[in-house]
Amino acid sequence: MTEFITTPQGRRIAVRRQTGAGPGIVFLHGLKSDMEGSKAVALSAWAAHAGRAFLRLDVSGHGRSGGRFEEGAIGDWFEDAVAAIRACTEGPQVLVGSSMGGWLSLLIAREHPELVAGLVTIAAAPDFTEDGFWAGFSPEQRRDLLEIGHVDLPSDYGDPYRISRRLIEEARERLVLRSPLPLPVPVRLLQGTEDSSVPVETALRLFHHASGGDIRLTLVKGAEHSFSTPDCLATIEAAIGEVLARIG
C-alpha cells in the first residue's frame, strides 16, 4: 500500500514499506524513474520472500510524489530519501541505489553514516550532472541553460529530460568524486559493460576513489543500463545477500 510522508522541507513523498527482519533494505530509484520500476518491484518480492524489511519511495517530482521534476535538484532528492529512511525504518539500512539512486546512496553514506549498514549500487551515476550533462553540453546548450534556465535532452525512456540550471548548479554542492568518500561498510558496485548511460569508467573511478575495507566491483559483460534481465536481477539479489552476510 502506498503511503505519504511530508519531509521537513514540506515535500509530499510517496513510500511503500514492508515489515520484516533487519537490517532492512531501501531501494533508491534513478532519474525520471520511480518505485514501480522492474528492479524495485522484483526486489520488493525478493525481500518479502526472505522476510526482510523493505522500503521504496518516489523522490519529489517522480512517480506519485508531489512536486515537478523540472523544479527538483539532487539536494532535494537526497533530503527526500533521508526523510523517508528516518520516518519509515529502524536502525541502519542496506541502501540499494540505481543510477542516480546510487549517487543518493553515496551521499547518505557520507553525510549520515548512522543510517547505513551496507551499500549496493547498480550502474551508479555519481556527479552525472557535472561529468555527464554539463561536460557534454555544447556552447549553445550552456548558453541556453544560463540564459533560458533549462535545456531539453532526448531520453531513451520516454519524454525528453528538461535539465534545469538549478539541477546543474545545486549539484555542485553534492559532488562525491571530488573529496574524500569513506565507506566503512560492505559495498558492492554493479555495472554493465554495455551501459550507454553510465560508462564503465565511472564505475572504475568510483571504485578507486572510495575508501573502505570491503568494497567490490562486479562488471557484467553485455548488461545494459536497466540491469533488469533475470540474470541481472539475480546478481543484485546475490549482492544484497552478500552484504547482509558480511554485516552478520
Protein backbone atom coordinates (compact mmCIF):
# COMPACT_ATOMS: atom_id res chain seq x y z
CA MET A 1 0.00 0.00 0.00
CA THR A 2 1.31 3.44 -0.89
CA GLU A 3 1.63 5.88 1.99
CA PHE A 4 2.67 9.52 2.01
CA ILE A 5 5.02 11.38 4.32
CA THR A 6 5.86 15.06 4.49
CA THR A 7 9.55 15.88 4.64
CA PRO A 8 10.94 18.57 6.97
CA GLN A 9 11.20 20.75 3.85
CA GLY A 10 7.44 20.34 3.20
CA ARG A 11 7.55 17.97 0.22
CA ARG A 12 4.96 15.15 -0.03
CA ILE A 13 6.70 11.84 -0.69
CA ALA A 14 5.14 8.52 -1.68
CA VAL A 15 6.54 5.44 0.08
CA ARG A 16 5.83 1.71 0.22
CA ARG A 17 7.19 -0.24 3.14
CA GLN A 18 7.21 -3.89 4.14
CA THR A 19 7.82 -5.20 7.62
CA GLY A 20 10.44 -7.83 8.29
CA ALA A 21 13.81 -8.55 9.80
CA GLY A 22 16.58 -6.00 9.92
CA PRO A 23 18.80 -4.60 8.68
CA GLY A 24 16.16 -3.51 6.23
CA ILE A 25 16.70 -2.72 2.56
CA VAL A 26 15.97 0.68 1.00
CA PHE A 27 15.69 0.99 -2.79
CA LEU A 28 16.51 4.37 -4.37
CA HIS A 29 15.44 4.77 -8.00
CA GLY A 30 17.10 6.61 -10.86
CA LEU A 31 16.44 9.89 -12.64
CA LYS A 32 12.92 10.05 -14.12
CA SER A 33 12.19 6.58 -12.78
CA ASP A 34 10.12 5.61 -9.72
CA MET A 35 9.48 2.91 -7.15
CA GLU A 36 7.35 0.87 -9.58
CA GLY A 37 10.29 0.09 -11.86
CA SER A 38 11.21 -3.52 -12.60
CA LYS A 39 14.15 -3.64 -10.18
CA ALA A 40 12.18 -2.08 -7.31
CA VAL A 41 9.25 -4.45 -7.78
CA ALA A 42 11.47 -7.52 -8.12
CA LEU A 43 13.45 -6.64 -5.01
CA SER A 44 10.24 -6.00 -3.09
CA ALA A 45 9.12 -9.56 -3.87
CA TRP A 46 12.58 -10.93 -3.03
CA ALA A 47 12.61 -9.15 0.32
CA ALA A 48 9.10 -10.37 1.15
CA HIS A 49 10.14 -13.96 0.39
CA ALA A 50 13.22 -13.53 2.59
CA GLY A 51 11.23 -11.94 5.42
CA ARG A 52 13.39 -8.82 5.17
CA ALA A 53 12.13 -5.28 5.88
CA PHE A 54 11.99 -3.26 2.66
CA LEU A 55 11.32 0.37 1.78
CA ARG A 56 10.94 2.00 -1.62
CA LEU A 57 9.99 5.58 -2.37
CA ASP A 58 9.46 8.17 -5.08
CA VAL A 59 11.59 11.25 -4.61
CA SER A 60 9.81 14.53 -5.31
CA GLY A 61 8.87 15.21 -8.90
CA HIS A 62 8.86 11.47 -9.62
CA GLY A 63 6.16 8.81 -9.56
CA ARG A 64 3.34 9.57 -7.13
CA SER A 65 5.25 12.10 -5.04
CA GLY A 66 4.45 15.79 -5.14
CA GLY A 67 6.39 18.46 -6.97
CA ARG A 68 7.58 18.93 -10.54
CA PHE A 69 10.66 17.20 -11.88
CA GLU A 70 11.87 20.42 -13.51
CA GLU A 71 11.99 22.16 -10.14
CA GLY A 72 13.94 19.45 -8.33
CA ALA A 73 17.63 19.02 -7.59
CA ILE A 74 19.99 16.41 -6.20
CA GLY A 75 19.91 18.05 -2.78
CA ASP A 76 16.11 17.88 -2.68
CA TRP A 77 16.10 14.20 -3.60
CA PHE A 78 18.82 13.46 -1.06
CA GLU A 79 16.70 15.17 1.62
CA ASP A 80 13.63 13.22 0.49
CA ALA A 81 15.45 9.91 0.82
CA VAL A 82 16.85 10.77 4.25
CA ALA A 83 13.40 11.85 5.47
CA ALA A 84 11.81 8.62 4.26
CA ILE A 85 14.51 6.47 5.85
CA ARG A 86 14.17 8.29 9.16
CA ALA A 87 10.36 8.10 9.12
CA CYS A 88 9.89 4.56 7.85
CA THR A 89 12.79 2.41 9.06
CA GLU A 90 14.54 1.42 12.26
CA GLY A 91 18.30 1.18 12.60
CA PRO A 92 20.95 1.26 9.86
CA GLN A 93 19.76 0.07 6.45
CA VAL A 94 21.24 -1.55 3.36
CA LEU A 95 20.83 1.05 0.63
CA VAL A 96 20.33 -0.19 -2.92
CA GLY A 97 20.76 2.69 -5.35
CA SER A 98 20.13 2.54 -9.09
CA SER A 99 21.84 5.12 -11.33
CA MET A 100 21.01 8.48 -9.71
CA GLY A 101 19.89 6.48 -6.69
CA GLY A 102 23.46 5.28 -6.45
CA TRP A 103 24.62 8.87 -6.10
CA LEU A 104 21.97 9.50 -3.44
CA SER A 105 23.03 6.40 -1.52
CA LEU A 106 26.66 7.53 -1.56
CA LEU A 107 25.61 10.98 -0.31
CA ILE A 108 23.62 9.42 2.51
CA ALA A 109 26.55 7.20 3.46
CA ARG A 110 28.85 10.22 3.54
CA GLU A 111 26.54 12.67 5.32
CA HIS A 112 24.53 10.30 7.55
CA PRO A 113 26.64 7.17 8.13
CA GLU A 114 24.49 6.25 11.12
CA LEU A 115 21.70 5.36 8.70
CA VAL A 116 23.76 2.96 6.58
CA ALA A 117 24.67 -0.68 7.29
CA GLY A 118 25.73 -1.52 3.73
CA LEU A 119 25.54 -0.39 0.11
CA VAL A 120 24.70 -1.96 -3.23
CA THR A 121 24.82 0.32 -6.26
CA ILE A 122 23.55 -0.54 -9.74
CA ALA A 123 25.08 1.49 -12.56
CA ALA A 124 25.77 4.23 -10.03
CA ALA A 125 25.89 7.70 -11.56
CA PRO A 126 27.71 9.92 -9.06
CA ASP A 127 28.29 13.51 -10.20
CA PHE A 128 26.46 12.90 -13.50
CA THR A 129 25.14 16.46 -13.64
CA GLU A 130 28.71 17.77 -13.87
CA ASP A 131 30.59 14.97 -15.62
CA GLY A 132 27.75 13.92 -17.91
CA PHE A 133 25.36 16.78 -18.60
CA TRP A 134 27.49 19.90 -18.12
CA ALA A 135 30.65 18.38 -19.57
CA GLY A 136 28.72 17.19 -22.62
CA PHE A 137 26.79 20.38 -23.33
CA SER A 138 27.66 22.33 -26.44
CA PRO A 139 28.43 26.06 -26.08
CA GLU A 140 24.88 26.74 -27.30
CA GLN A 141 23.36 24.44 -24.69
CA ARG A 142 25.41 26.03 -21.93
CA ARG A 143 24.23 29.45 -23.06
CA ASP A 144 20.59 28.31 -23.11
CA LEU A 145 20.94 26.80 -19.66
CA LEU A 146 22.30 30.03 -18.23
CA GLU A 147 20.03 32.43 -20.12
CA ILE A 148 16.77 30.49 -20.54
CA GLY A 149 17.16 28.37 -17.42
CA HIS A 150 16.87 24.89 -18.93
CA VAL A 151 17.93 22.51 -21.71
CA ASP A 152 15.79 19.69 -23.13
CA LEU A 153 17.66 16.44 -23.76
CA PRO A 154 16.36 13.33 -25.56
CA SER A 155 15.74 10.26 -23.43
CA ASP A 156 15.71 6.54 -24.16
CA TYR A 157 12.97 6.16 -21.55
CA GLY A 158 10.16 8.42 -22.82
CA ASP A 159 9.73 12.19 -22.81
CA PRO A 160 12.82 14.41 -23.05
CA TYR A 161 14.64 15.37 -19.87
CA ARG A 162 14.28 19.05 -19.07
CA ILE A 163 17.55 19.83 -17.33
CA SER A 164 17.29 22.99 -15.26
CA ARG A 165 20.00 25.44 -14.35
CA ARG A 166 19.21 24.74 -10.70
CA LEU A 167 19.80 21.00 -11.18
CA ILE A 168 23.30 21.66 -12.51
CA GLU A 169 24.30 24.41 -10.10
CA GLU A 170 22.83 22.94 -6.91
CA ALA A 171 24.50 19.60 -7.59
CA ARG A 172 27.93 21.21 -7.41
CA GLU A 173 27.45 21.25 -3.64
CA ARG A 174 26.67 17.50 -3.66
CA LEU A 175 29.51 16.01 -5.71
CA VAL A 176 31.12 12.90 -4.20
CA LEU A 177 34.07 12.16 -6.51
CA ARG A 178 35.99 15.35 -5.73
CA SER A 179 36.51 14.93 -1.99
CA PRO A 180 37.09 12.01 0.37
CA LEU A 181 34.38 9.33 0.29
CA PRO A 182 34.79 6.98 3.25
CA LEU A 183 32.57 3.89 3.03
CA PRO A 184 33.31 1.83 6.16
CA VAL A 185 30.53 -0.69 5.41
CA PRO A 186 30.21 -3.61 2.98
CA VAL A 187 29.85 -2.12 -0.51
CA ARG A 188 29.02 -3.91 -3.77
CA LEU A 189 29.17 -1.91 -7.00
CA LEU A 190 27.40 -3.49 -10.00
CA GLN A 191 27.96 -2.27 -13.57
CA GLY A 192 27.08 -3.50 -17.06
CA THR A 193 29.68 -3.26 -19.79
CA GLU A 194 27.12 -2.21 -22.43
CA ASP A 195 25.64 0.63 -20.37
CA SER A 196 25.12 3.59 -22.73
CA SER A 197 24.14 5.98 -19.93
CA VAL A 198 26.84 5.36 -17.32
CA PRO A 199 30.20 4.22 -18.72
CA VAL A 200 32.32 1.55 -17.11
CA GLU A 201 34.90 4.27 -16.49
CA THR A 202 32.53 5.87 -13.96
CA ALA A 203 32.28 2.63 -12.01
CA LEU A 204 36.07 2.26 -12.04
CA ARG A 205 36.51 5.86 -10.92
CA LEU A 206 34.11 5.34 -8.02
CA PHE A 207 35.77 2.05 -7.08
CA HIS A 208 39.22 3.64 -6.92
CA HIS A 209 38.02 6.85 -5.26
CA ALA A 210 36.01 5.42 -2.36
CA SER A 211 37.85 4.26 0.73
CA GLY A 212 36.83 1.26 2.80
CA GLY A 213 37.86 -2.24 3.73
CA ASP A 214 35.09 -4.15 1.97
CA ILE A 215 34.38 -2.63 -1.46
CA ARG A 216 33.96 -4.85 -4.52
CA LEU A 217 33.11 -4.03 -8.13
CA THR A 218 31.31 -6.52 -10.38
CA LEU A 219 31.27 -5.95 -14.14
CA VAL A 220 28.58 -7.88 -16.01
CA LYS A 221 29.56 -8.38 -19.63
CA GLY A 222 26.80 -7.34 -22.03
CA ALA A 223 24.49 -5.86 -19.39
CA GLU A 224 22.80 -2.54 -20.21
CA HIS A 225 21.85 0.41 -18.03
CA SER A 226 18.47 -1.01 -16.99
CA PHE A 227 20.25 -4.01 -15.42
CA SER A 228 16.90 -5.76 -15.12
CA THR A 229 17.19 -9.05 -17.02
CA PRO A 230 16.59 -12.16 -14.90
CA ASP A 231 20.35 -12.72 -14.64
CA CYS A 232 20.95 -9.10 -13.62
CA LEU A 233 18.19 -9.23 -11.01
CA ALA A 234 19.75 -12.41 -9.62
CA THR A 235 23.10 -10.59 -9.47
CA ILE A 236 21.54 -7.74 -7.48
CA GLU A 237 19.87 -10.16 -5.08
CA ALA A 238 23.14 -12.06 -4.60
CA ALA A 239 24.98 -8.79 -3.88
CA ILE A 240 22.41 -7.79 -1.26
CA GLY A 241 22.64 -11.24 0.29
CA GLU A 242 26.43 -10.96 0.42
CA VAL A 243 26.26 -7.55 2.08
CA LEU A 244 23.76 -8.83 4.63
CA ALA A 245 26.02 -11.80 5.38
CA ARG A 246 29.03 -9.52 5.84
CA ILE A 247 27.04 -7.37 8.26
CA GLY A 248 26.49 -10.54 10.26
